[in-house]
Amino acid sequence: MKIITAILAVVITVVFVGSAMAVPPGKTSEFAGGAMGKVTFDGKTHADKGLKCNDCHTKVFQMKKEAKPKMADHKSDKFCFGCHNGTKAFKTDGNCAKCHKK
């Protein structure tokens, strides 16, 4: 019985920690964007497009704070740029002000 209780406690902890770190629809999260200005992620904007949290977490983003994207990443399929490549979502190249705000 103690083993089942311990396993259940671990599962509940993992679920709540993951939920606490995610940005749900209607909430935003801000990230430093260097000289270009901060980047604000809006959960509602992405939910309105039909996306679910699991579409990016844990496929593109782990459920933890990660390394910041670098300028070279903008031309890769890492981070946001896997979708924001002009195919699934607007292309980031040349559209800096769509994400970066000073």
PDB file of N, CA and C in Angstrom:
ATOM      1  N   MET A   1       0.825  -1.201   0.000  1.00  0.00           N
ATOM      2  CA  MET A   1       0.000   0.000   0.000  1.00  0.00           C
ATOM      3  C   MET A   1       0.863   1.257   0.000  1.00  0.00           C
ATOM      4  N   LYS A   2       1.981   1.226   0.730  1.00  0.00           N
ATOM      5  CA  LYS A   2       2.864   2.391   0.779  1.00  0.00           C
ATOM      6  C   LYS A   2       3.478   2.678  -0.584  1.00  0.00           C
ATOM      7  N   ILE A   3       3.770   1.644  -1.342  1.00  0.00           N
ATOM      8  CA  ILE A   3       4.367   1.816  -2.670  1.00  0.00           C
ATOM      9  C   ILE A   3       3.366   2.492  -3.605  1.00  0.00           C
ATOM     10  N   ILE A   4       2.122   2.056  -3.558  1.00  0.00           N
ATOM     11  CA  ILE A   4       1.090   2.654  -4.417  1.00  0.00           C
ATOM     12  C   ILE A   4       0.899   4.120  -4.062  1.00  0.00           C
ATOM     13  N   THR A   5       0.880   4.427  -2.762  1.00  0.00           N
ATOM     14  CA  THR A   5       0.729   5.817  -2.323  1.00  0.00           C
ATOM     15  C   THR A   5       1.907   6.662  -2.796  1.00  0.00           C
ATOM     16  N   ALA A   6       3.104   6.131  -2.696  1.00  0.00           N
ATOM     17  CA  ALA A   6       4.300   6.863  -3.130  1.00  0.00           C
ATOM     18  C   ALA A   6       4.273   7.107  -4.641  1.00  0.00           C
ATOM     19  N   ILE A   7       3.903   6.109  -5.412  1.00  0.00           N
ATOM     20  CA  ILE A   7       3.824   6.254  -6.870  1.00  0.00           C
ATOM     21  C   ILE A   7       2.764   7.279  -7.242  1.00  0.00           C
ATOM     22  N   LEU A   8       1.622   7.217  -6.591  1.00  0.00           N
ATOM     23  CA  LEU A   8       0.554   8.174  -6.842  1.00  0.00           C
ATOM     24  C   LEU A   8       1.001   9.603  -6.517  1.00  0.00           C
ATOM     25  N   ALA A   9       1.731   9.767  -5.426  1.00  0.00           N
ATOM     26  CA  ALA A   9       2.234  11.092  -5.041  1.00  0.00           C
ATOM     27  C   ALA A   9       3.197  11.640  -6.096  1.00  0.00           C
ATOM     28  N   VAL A  10       4.047  10.789  -6.633  1.00  0.00           N
ATOM     29  CA  VAL A  10       4.998  11.226  -7.670  1.00  0.00           C
ATOM     30  C   VAL A  10       4.257  11.624  -8.940  1.00  0.00           C
ATOM     31  N   VAL A  11       3.287  10.845  -9.349  1.00  0.00           N
ATOM     32  CA  VAL A  11       2.518  11.151 -10.558  1.00  0.00           C
ATOM     33  C   VAL A  11       1.786  12.479 -10.408  1.00  0.00           C
ATOM     34  N   ILE A  12       1.142  12.689  -9.270  1.00  0.00           N
ATOM     35  CA  ILE A  12       0.416  13.941  -9.036  1.00  0.00           C
ATOM     36  C   ILE A  12       1.373  15.122  -9.048  1.00  0.00           C
ATOM     37  N   THR A  13       2.538  14.978  -8.440  1.00  0.00           N
ATOM     38  CA  THR A  13       3.530  16.051  -8.424  1.00  0.00           C
ATOM     39  C   THR A  13       3.979  16.403  -9.836  1.00  0.00           C
ATOM     40  N   VAL A  14       4.268  15.409 -10.655  1.00  0.00           N
ATOM     41  CA  VAL A  14       4.710  15.651 -12.031  1.00  0.00           C
ATOM     42  C   VAL A  14       3.627  16.376 -12.826  1.00  0.00           C
ATOM     43  N   VAL A  15       2.390  15.976 -12.670  1.00  0.00           N
ATOM     44  CA  VAL A  15       1.285  16.611 -13.396  1.00  0.00           C
ATOM     45  C   VAL A  15       1.146  18.073 -12.988  1.00  0.00           C
ATOM     46  N   PHE A  16       1.182  18.351 -11.703  1.00  0.00           N
ATOM     47  CA  PHE A  16       0.996  19.728 -11.246  1.00  0.00           C
ATOM     48  C   PHE A  16       2.182  20.619 -11.588  1.00  0.00           C
ATOM     49  N   VAL A  17       3.391  20.106 -11.530  1.00  0.00           N
ATOM     50  CA  VAL A  17       4.558  20.906 -11.900  1.00  0.00           C
ATOM     51  C   VAL A  17       4.497  21.264 -13.373  1.00  0.00           C
ATOM     52  N   GLY A  18       4.138  20.319 -14.231  1.00  0.00           N
ATOM     53  CA  GLY A  18       4.007  20.592 -15.671  1.00  0.00           C
ATOM     54  C   GLY A  18       2.943  21.627 -15.949  1.00  0.00           C
ATOM     55  N   SER A  19       1.830  21.546 -15.248  1.00  0.00           N
ATOM     56  CA  SER A  19       0.741  22.503 -15.442  1.00  0.00           C
ATOM     57  C   SER A  19       1.129  23.886 -14.970  1.00  0.00           C
ATOM     58  N   ALA A  20       1.854  23.964 -13.893  1.00  0.00           N
ATOM     59  CA  ALA A  20       2.241  25.258 -13.342  1.00  0.00           C
ATOM     60  C   ALA A  20       3.212  25.990 -14.257  1.00  0.00           C
ATOM     61  N   MET A  21       3.991  25.265 -15.036  1.00  0.00           N
ATOM     62  CA  MET A  21       5.002  25.886 -15.879  1.00  0.00           C
ATOM     63  C   MET A  21       4.481  26.230 -17.266  1.00  0.00           C
ATOM     64  N   ALA A  22       3.358  25.690 -17.655  1.00  0.00           N
ATOM     65  CA  ALA A  22       2.808  25.950 -18.987  1.00  0.00           C
ATOM     66  C   ALA A  22       2.108  27.304 -19.018  1.00  0.00           C
ATOM     67  N   VAL A  23       1.933  27.842 -20.213  1.00  0.00           N
ATOM     68  CA  VAL A  23       1.208  29.099 -20.402  1.00  0.00           C
ATOM     69  C   VAL A  23      -0.148  28.742 -21.001  1.00  0.00           C
ATOM     70  N   PRO A  24      -1.195  28.739 -20.183  1.00  0.00           N
ATOM     71  CA  PRO A  24      -2.507  28.341 -20.683  1.00  0.00           C
ATOM     72  C   PRO A  24      -3.138  29.414 -21.558  1.00  0.00           C
ATOM     73  N   PRO A  25      -4.192  29.060 -22.303  1.00  0.00           N
ATOM     74  CA  PRO A  25      -4.892  30.063 -23.101  1.00  0.00           C
ATOM     75  C   PRO A  25      -5.349  31.221 -22.222  1.00  0.00           C
ATOM     76  N   GLY A  26      -5.165  32.433 -22.719  1.00  0.00           N
ATOM     77  CA  GLY A  26      -5.544  33.613 -21.959  1.00  0.00           C
ATOM     78  C   GLY A  26      -4.419  34.178 -21.118  1.00  0.00           C
ATOM     79  N   LYS A  27      -3.303  33.502 -21.046  1.00  0.00           N
ATOM     80  CA  LYS A  27      -2.151  33.964 -20.280  1.00  0.00           C
ATOM     81  C   LYS A  27      -0.995  34.230 -21.234  1.00  0.00           C
ATOM     82  N   THR A  28      -0.045  35.018 -20.763  1.00  0.00           N
ATOM     83  CA  THR A  28       1.138  35.298 -21.570  1.00  0.00           C
ATOM     84  C   THR A  28       2.393  35.000 -20.768  1.00  0.00           C
ATOM     85  N   SER A  29       3.472  34.842 -21.463  1.00  0.00           N
ATOM     86  CA  SER A  29       4.773  34.662 -20.857  1.00  0.00           C
ATOM     87  C   SER A  29       5.763  35.504 -21.647  1.00  0.00           C
ATOM     88  N   GLU A  30       6.616  36.234 -20.949  1.00  0.00           N
ATOM     89  CA  GLU A  30       7.580  37.115 -21.617  1.00  0.00           C
ATOM     90  C   GLU A  30       8.980  36.539 -21.534  1.00  0.00           C
ATOM     91  N   PHE A  31       9.724  36.748 -22.608  1.00  0.00           N
ATOM     92  CA  PHE A  31      11.094  36.281 -22.703  1.00  0.00           C
ATOM     93  C   PHE A  31      11.972  37.440 -23.166  1.00  0.00           C
ATOM     94  N   ALA A  32      13.184  37.509 -22.634  1.00  0.00           N
ATOM     95  CA  ALA A  32      14.117  38.541 -23.070  1.00  0.00           C
ATOM     96  C   ALA A  32      14.424  38.315 -24.543  1.00  0.00           C
ATOM     97  N   GLY A  33      14.425  39.386 -25.308  1.00  0.00           N
ATOM     98  CA  GLY A  33      14.669  39.262 -26.740  1.00  0.00           C
ATOM     99  C   GLY A  33      15.894  40.033 -27.186  1.00  0.00           C
ATOM    100  N   GLY A  34      16.762  40.356 -26.245  1.00  0.00           N
ATOM    101  CA  GLY A  34      17.985  41.077 -26.588  1.00  0.00           C
ATOM    102  C   GLY A  34      17.700  42.482 -27.053  1.00  0.00           C
ATOM    103  N   ALA A  35      18.538  42.976 -27.927  1.00  0.00           N
ATOM    104  CA  ALA A  35      18.427  44.356 -28.422  1.00  0.00           C
ATOM    105  C   ALA A  35      17.147  44.586 -29.216  1.00  0.00           C
ATOM    106  N   MET A  36      16.560  43.534 -29.742  1.00  0.00           N
ATOM    107  CA  MET A  36      15.337  43.663 -30.546  1.00  0.00           C
ATOM    108  C   MET A  36      14.096  43.891 -29.685  1.00  0.00           C
ATOM    109  N   GLY A  37      14.180  43.626 -28.391  1.00  0.00           N
ATOM    110  CA  GLY A  37      13.042  43.783 -27.501  1.00  0.00           C
ATOM    111  C   GLY A  37      12.473  42.446 -27.074  1.00  0.00           C
ATOM    112  N   LYS A  38      11.665  42.484 -26.023  1.00  0.00           N
ATOM    113  CA  LYS A  38      11.124  41.249 -25.453  1.00  0.00           C
ATOM    114  C   LYS A  38      10.170  40.542 -26.418  1.00  0.00           C
ATOM    115  N   VAL A  39      10.031  39.243 -26.190  1.00  0.00           N
ATOM    116  CA  VAL A  39       9.104  38.424 -26.960  1.00  0.00           C
ATOM    117  C   VAL A  39       8.037  37.943 -25.984  1.00  0.00           C
ATOM    118  N   THR A  40       6.786  38.168 -26.332  1.00  0.00           N
ATOM    119  CA  THR A  40       5.683  37.737 -25.484  1.00  0.00           C
ATOM    120  C   THR A  40       4.955  36.587 -26.156  1.00  0.00           C
ATOM    121  N   PHE A  41       4.891  35.460 -25.460  1.00  0.00           N
ATOM    122  CA  PHE A  41       4.151  34.308 -25.955  1.00  0.00           C
ATOM    123  C   PHE A  41       2.739  34.415 -25.403  1.00  0.00           C
ATOM    124  N   ASP A  42       1.747  34.338 -26.271  1.00  0.00           N
ATOM    125  CA  ASP A  42       0.346  34.432 -25.876  1.00  0.00           C
ATOM    126  C   ASP A  42      -0.324  33.072 -26.094  1.00  0.00           C
ATOM    127  N   GLY A  43      -0.692  32.424 -24.998  1.00  0.00           N
ATOM    128  CA  GLY A  43      -1.337  31.122 -25.077  1.00  0.00           C
ATOM    129  C   GLY A  43      -2.661  31.169 -25.832  1.00  0.00           C
ATOM    130  N   LYS A  44      -3.416  32.268 -25.684  1.00  0.00           N
ATOM    131  CA  LYS A  44      -4.721  32.396 -26.344  1.00  0.00           C
ATOM    132  C   LYS A  44      -4.572  32.460 -27.861  1.00  0.00           C
ATOM    133  N   THR A  45      -3.597  33.217 -28.333  1.00  0.00           N
ATOM    134  CA  THR A  45      -3.375  33.332 -29.774  1.00  0.00           C
ATOM    135  C   THR A  45      -3.141  31.953 -30.381  1.00  0.00           C
ATOM    136  N   HIS A  46      -2.331  31.149 -29.729  1.00  0.00           N
ATOM    137  CA  HIS A  46      -2.036  29.821 -30.245  1.00  0.00           C
ATOM    138  C   HIS A  46      -3.229  28.883 -30.097  1.00  0.00           C
ATOM    139  N   ALA A  47      -3.973  28.986 -28.989  1.00  0.00           N
ATOM    140  CA  ALA A  47      -5.168  28.153 -28.795  1.00  0.00           C
ATOM    141  C   ALA A  47      -6.236  28.504 -29.827  1.00  0.00           C
ATOM    142  N   ASP A  48      -6.358  29.799 -30.149  1.00  0.00           N
ATOM    143  CA  ASP A  48      -7.334  30.227 -31.154  1.00  0.00           C
ATOM    144  C   ASP A  48      -7.034  29.644 -32.535  1.00  0.00           C
ATOM    145  N   LYS A  49      -5.796  29.288 -32.766  1.00  0.00           N
ATOM    146  CA  LYS A  49      -5.406  28.666 -34.040  1.00  0.00           C
ATOM    147  C   LYS A  49      -5.605  27.153 -34.007  1.00  0.00           C
ATOM    148  N   GLY A  50      -6.143  26.656 -32.877  1.00  0.00           N
ATOM    149  CA  GLY A  50      -6.427  25.230 -32.765  1.00  0.00           C
ATOM    150  C   GLY A  50      -5.317  24.405 -32.154  1.00  0.00           C
ATOM    151  N   LEU A  51      -4.304  25.054 -31.633  1.00  0.00           N
ATOM    152  CA  LEU A  51      -3.184  24.318 -31.046  1.00  0.00           C
ATOM    153  C   LEU A  51      -3.472  23.948 -29.601  1.00  0.00           C
ATOM    154  N   LYS A  52      -2.966  22.820 -29.203  1.00  0.00           N
ATOM    155  CA  LYS A  52      -3.038  22.344 -27.824  1.00  0.00           C
ATOM    156  C   LYS A  52      -1.637  22.414 -27.239  1.00  0.00           C
ATOM    157  N   CYS A  53      -1.548  22.478 -25.923  1.00  0.00           N
ATOM    158  CA  CYS A  53      -0.247  22.568 -25.254  1.00  0.00           C
ATOM    159  C   CYS A  53       0.710  21.466 -25.716  1.00  0.00           C
ATOM    160  N   ASN A  54       0.182  20.243 -25.839  1.00  0.00           N
ATOM    161  CA  ASN A  54       1.032  19.111 -26.219  1.00  0.00           C
ATOM    162  C   ASN A  54       1.519  19.162 -27.659  1.00  0.00           C
ATOM    163  N   ASP A  55       0.995  20.074 -28.468  1.00  0.00           N
ATOM    164  CA  ASP A  55       1.518  20.214 -29.829  1.00  0.00           C
ATOM    165  C   ASP A  55       2.970  20.690 -29.800  1.00  0.00           C
ATOM    166  N   CYS A  56       3.316  21.461 -28.783  1.00  0.00           N
ATOM    167  CA  CYS A  56       4.696  21.956 -28.658  1.00  0.00           C
ATOM    168  C   CYS A  56       5.426  21.334 -27.469  1.00  0.00           C
ATOM    169  N   HIS A  57       4.706  21.100 -26.392  1.00  0.00           N
ATOM    170  CA  HIS A  57       5.319  20.505 -25.201  1.00  0.00           C
ATOM    171  C   HIS A  57       4.987  19.034 -25.206  1.00  0.00           C
ATOM    172  N   THR A  58       5.843  18.167 -25.212  1.00  0.00           N
ATOM    173  CA  THR A  58       7.272  18.159 -25.040  1.00  0.00           C
ATOM    174  C   THR A  58       8.003  17.893 -26.351  1.00  0.00           C
ATOM    175  N   LYS A  59       7.316  18.076 -27.443  1.00  0.00           N
ATOM    176  CA  LYS A  59       7.921  17.821 -28.750  1.00  0.00           C
ATOM    177  C   LYS A  59       8.954  18.875 -29.116  1.00  0.00           C
ATOM    178  N   VAL A  60       8.596  20.149 -28.980  1.00  0.00           N
ATOM    179  CA  VAL A  60       9.488  21.244 -29.344  1.00  0.00           C
ATOM    180  C   VAL A  60      10.134  21.825 -28.096  1.00  0.00           C
ATOM    181  N   PHE A  61       9.335  22.052 -27.085  1.00  0.00           N
ATOM    182  CA  PHE A  61       9.816  22.615 -25.827  1.00  0.00           C
ATOM    183  C   PHE A  61       9.632  21.598 -24.717  1.00  0.00           C
ATOM    184  N   GLN A  62      10.642  21.453 -23.894  1.00  0.00           N
ATOM    185  CA  GLN A  62      10.511  20.615 -22.714  1.00  0.00           C
ATOM    186  C   GLN A  62       9.681  21.387 -21.699  1.00  0.00           C
ATOM    187  N   MET A  63       9.172  20.739 -20.702  1.00  0.00           N
ATOM    188  CA  MET A  63       8.367  21.392 -19.683  1.00  0.00           C
ATOM    189  C   MET A  63       9.277  21.977 -18.602  1.00  0.00           C
ATOM    190  N   LYS A  64      10.254  22.734 -19.023  1.00  0.00           N
ATOM    191  CA  LYS A  64      11.170  23.394 -18.108  1.00  0.00           C
ATOM    192  C   LYS A  64      11.765  24.585 -18.826  1.00  0.00           C
ATOM    193  N   LYS A  65      12.422  25.434 -18.081  1.00  0.00           N
ATOM    194  CA  LYS A  65      13.056  26.592 -18.689  1.00  0.00           C
ATOM    195  C   LYS A  65      14.237  26.105 -19.527  1.00  0.00           C
ATOM    196  N   GLU A  66      14.325  26.569 -20.739  1.00  0.00           N
ATOM    197  CA  GLU A  66      15.368  26.104 -21.652  1.00  0.00           C
ATOM    198  C   GLU A  66      16.340  27.222 -21.992  1.00  0.00           C
ATOM    199  N   ALA A  67      17.362  26.846 -22.742  1.00  0.00           N
ATOM    200  CA  ALA A  67      18.291  27.832 -23.267  1.00  0.00           C
ATOM    201  C   ALA A  67      17.543  28.780 -24.190  1.00  0.00           C
ATOM    202  N   LYS A  68      17.990  30.001 -24.255  1.00  0.00           N
ATOM    203  CA  LYS A  68      17.346  30.994 -25.117  1.00  0.00           C
ATOM    204  C   LYS A  68      17.710  30.743 -26.579  1.00  0.00           C
ATOM    205  N   PRO A  69      16.756  30.939 -27.471  1.00  0.00           N
ATOM    206  CA  PRO A  69      17.079  30.830 -28.895  1.00  0.00           C
ATOM    207  C   PRO A  69      18.117  31.887 -29.296  1.00  0.00           C
ATOM    208  N   LYS A  70      18.954  31.525 -30.191  1.00  0.00           N
ATOM    209  CA  LYS A  70      19.965  32.442 -30.714  1.00  0.00           C
ATOM    210  C   LYS A  70      19.516  32.899 -32.108  1.00  0.00           C
ATOM    211  N   MET A  71      20.178  33.917 -32.628  1.00  0.00           N
ATOM    212  CA  MET A  71      19.825  34.438 -33.945  1.00  0.00           C
ATOM    213  C   MET A  71      19.902  33.336 -35.012  1.00  0.00           C
ATOM    214  N   ALA A  72      20.904  32.480 -34.924  1.00  0.00           N
ATOM    215  CA  ALA A  72      21.060  31.402 -35.909  1.00  0.00           C
ATOM    216  C   ALA A  72      19.890  30.414 -35.856  1.00  0.00           C
ATOM    217  N   ASP A  73      19.243  30.292 -34.688  1.00  0.00           N
ATOM    218  CA  ASP A  73      18.110  29.377 -34.553  1.00  0.00           C
ATOM    219  C   ASP A  73      16.912  29.810 -35.387  1.00  0.00           C
ATOM    220  N   HIS A  74      16.828  31.104 -35.723  1.00  0.00           N
ATOM    221  CA  HIS A  74      15.699  31.612 -36.506  1.00  0.00           C
ATOM    222  C   HIS A  74      15.592  30.928 -37.875  1.00  0.00           C
ATOM    223  N   LYS A  75      16.671  30.376 -38.354  1.00  0.00           N
ATOM    224  CA  LYS A  75      16.672  29.710 -39.655  1.00  0.00           C
ATOM    225  C   LYS A  75      16.699  28.175 -39.499  1.00  0.00           C
ATOM    226  N   SER A  76      16.382  27.705 -38.277  1.00  0.00           N
ATOM    227  CA  SER A  76      16.387  26.269 -38.016  1.00  0.00           C
ATOM    228  C   SER A  76      14.965  25.804 -37.708  1.00  0.00           C
ATOM    229  N   ASP A  77      14.849  24.547 -37.319  1.00  0.00           N
ATOM    230  CA  ASP A  77      13.537  24.047 -36.907  1.00  0.00           C
ATOM    231  C   ASP A  77      13.463  23.902 -35.385  1.00  0.00           C
ATOM    232  N   LYS A  78      14.383  24.568 -34.681  1.00  0.00           N
ATOM    233  CA  LYS A  78      14.385  24.531 -33.228  1.00  0.00           C
ATOM    234  C   LYS A  78      13.433  25.600 -32.675  1.00  0.00           C
ATOM    235  N   PHE A  79      12.999  25.386 -31.448  1.00  0.00           N
ATOM    236  CA  PHE A  79      12.151  26.334 -30.723  1.00  0.00           C
ATOM    237  C   PHE A  79      10.904  26.688 -31.544  1.00  0.00           C
ATOM    238  N   CYS A  80      10.531  27.941 -31.552  1.00  0.00           N
ATOM    239  CA  CYS A  80       9.326  28.415 -32.256  1.00  0.00           C
ATOM    240  C   CYS A  80       9.450  28.271 -33.769  1.00  0.00           C
ATOM    241  N   PHE A  81      10.667  28.216 -34.235  1.00  0.00           N
ATOM    242  CA  PHE A  81      10.937  28.326 -35.662  1.00  0.00           C
ATOM    243  C   PHE A  81      10.597  27.069 -36.445  1.00  0.00           C
ATOM    244  N   GLY A  82      10.303  25.978 -35.754  1.00  0.00           N
ATOM    245  CA  GLY A  82       9.851  24.765 -36.430  1.00  0.00           C
ATOM    246  C   GLY A  82       8.500  24.980 -37.110  1.00  0.00           C
ATOM    247  N   CYS A  83       7.674  25.834 -36.498  1.00  0.00           N
ATOM    248  CA  CYS A  83       6.366  26.171 -37.083  1.00  0.00           C
ATOM    249  C   CYS A  83       6.386  27.537 -37.759  1.00  0.00           C
ATOM    250  N   HIS A  84       7.100  28.471 -37.150  1.00  0.00           N
ATOM    251  CA  HIS A  84       7.159  29.830 -37.709  1.00  0.00           C
ATOM    252  C   HIS A  84       8.239  29.892 -38.789  1.00  0.00           C
ATOM    253  N   ASN A  85       7.955  29.186 -39.881  1.00  0.00           N
ATOM    254  CA  ASN A  85       8.901  29.081 -40.989  1.00  0.00           C
ATOM    255  C   ASN A  85       8.260  29.468 -42.325  1.00  0.00           C
ATOM    256  N   GLY A  86       7.030  29.993 -42.243  1.00  0.00           N
ATOM    257  CA  GLY A  86       6.330  30.372 -43.467  1.00  0.00           C
ATOM    258  C   GLY A  86       5.442  29.277 -44.015  1.00  0.00           C
ATOM    259  N   THR A  87       5.508  28.082 -43.433  1.00  0.00           N
ATOM    260  CA  THR A  87       4.675  26.976 -43.886  1.00  0.00           C
ATOM    261  C   THR A  87       3.471  26.803 -42.962  1.00  0.00           C
ATOM    262  N   LYS A  88       3.726  26.503 -41.689  1.00  0.00           N
ATOM    263  CA  LYS A  88       2.648  26.337 -40.715  1.00  0.00           C
ATOM    264  C   LYS A  88       2.166  27.686 -40.182  1.00  0.00           C
ATOM    265  N   ALA A  89       3.085  28.576 -39.943  1.00  0.00           N
ATOM    266  CA  ALA A  89       2.772  29.889 -39.357  1.00  0.00           C
ATOM    267  C   ALA A  89       3.665  30.932 -40.025  1.00  0.00           C
ATOM    268  N   PHE A  90       3.396  32.207 -39.721  1.00  0.00           N
ATOM    269  CA  PHE A  90       4.160  33.263 -40.384  1.00  0.00           C
ATOM    270  C   PHE A  90       5.656  33.052 -40.217  1.00  0.00           C
ATOM    271  N   LYS A  91       6.388  33.449 -41.234  1.00  0.00           N
ATOM    272  CA  LYS A  91       7.839  33.317 -41.247  1.00  0.00           C
ATOM    273  C   LYS A  91       8.454  34.391 -40.368  1.00  0.00           C
ATOM    274  N   THR A  92       9.414  34.023 -39.527  1.00  0.00           N
ATOM    275  CA  THR A  92      10.052  35.000 -38.643  1.00  0.00           C
ATOM    276  C   THR A  92      11.052  35.866 -39.393  1.00  0.00           C
ATOM    277  N   ASP A  93      11.658  35.335 -40.421  1.00  0.00           N
ATOM    278  CA  ASP A  93      12.667  36.075 -41.181  1.00  0.00           C
ATOM    279  C   ASP A  93      12.043  37.320 -41.809  1.00  0.00           C
ATOM    280  N   GLY A  94      12.493  38.491 -41.379  1.00  0.00           N
ATOM    281  CA  GLY A  94      11.976  39.745 -41.907  1.00  0.00           C
ATOM    282  C   GLY A  94      10.721  40.240 -41.207  1.00  0.00           C
ATOM    283  N   ASN A  95      10.237  39.487 -40.239  1.00  0.00           N
ATOM    284  CA  ASN A  95       9.039  39.861 -39.487  1.00  0.00           C
ATOM    285  C   ASN A  95       9.354  40.045 -38.002  1.00  0.00           C
ATOM    286  N   CYS A  96      10.483  40.655 -37.707  1.00  0.00           N
ATOM    287  CA  CYS A  96      10.958  40.781 -36.329  1.00  0.00           C
ATOM    288  C   CYS A  96       9.911  41.384 -35.390  1.00  0.00           C
ATOM    289  N   ALA A  97       9.234  42.432 -35.858  1.00  0.00           N
ATOM    290  CA  ALA A  97       8.295  43.177 -34.999  1.00  0.00           C
ATOM    291  C   ALA A  97       7.041  42.374 -34.656  1.00  0.00           C
ATOM    292  N   LYS A  98       6.795  41.259 -35.337  1.00  0.00           N
ATOM    293  CA  LYS A  98       5.631  40.444 -34.981  1.00  0.00           C
ATOM    294  C   LYS A  98       5.838  39.783 -33.619  1.00  0.00           C
ATOM    295  N   CYS A  99       7.062  39.535 -33.246  1.00  0.00           N
ATOM    296  CA  CYS A  99       7.349  38.892 -31.964  1.00  0.00           C
ATOM    297  C   CYS A  99       8.077  39.819 -30.991  1.00  0.00           C
ATOM    298  N   HIS A 100       9.044  40.549 -31.507  1.00  0.00           N
ATOM    299  CA  HIS A 100       9.868  41.410 -30.654  1.00  0.00           C
ATOM    300  C   HIS A 100       9.228  42.780 -30.475  1.00  0.00           C
ATOM    301  N   LYS A 101       9.073  43.187 -29.215  1.00  0.00           N
ATOM    302  CA  LYS A 101       8.506  44.507 -28.892  1.00  0.00           C
ATOM    303  C   LYS A 101       9.466  45.244 -27.969  1.00  0.00           C
ATOM    304  N   LYS A 102       9.781  46.468 -28.325  1.00  0.00           N
ATOM    305  CA  LYS A 102      10.687  47.280 -27.480  1.00  0.00           C
ATOM    306  C   LYS A 102       9.885  48.049 -26.468  1.00  0.00           C
TER     307      LYS A 102
END
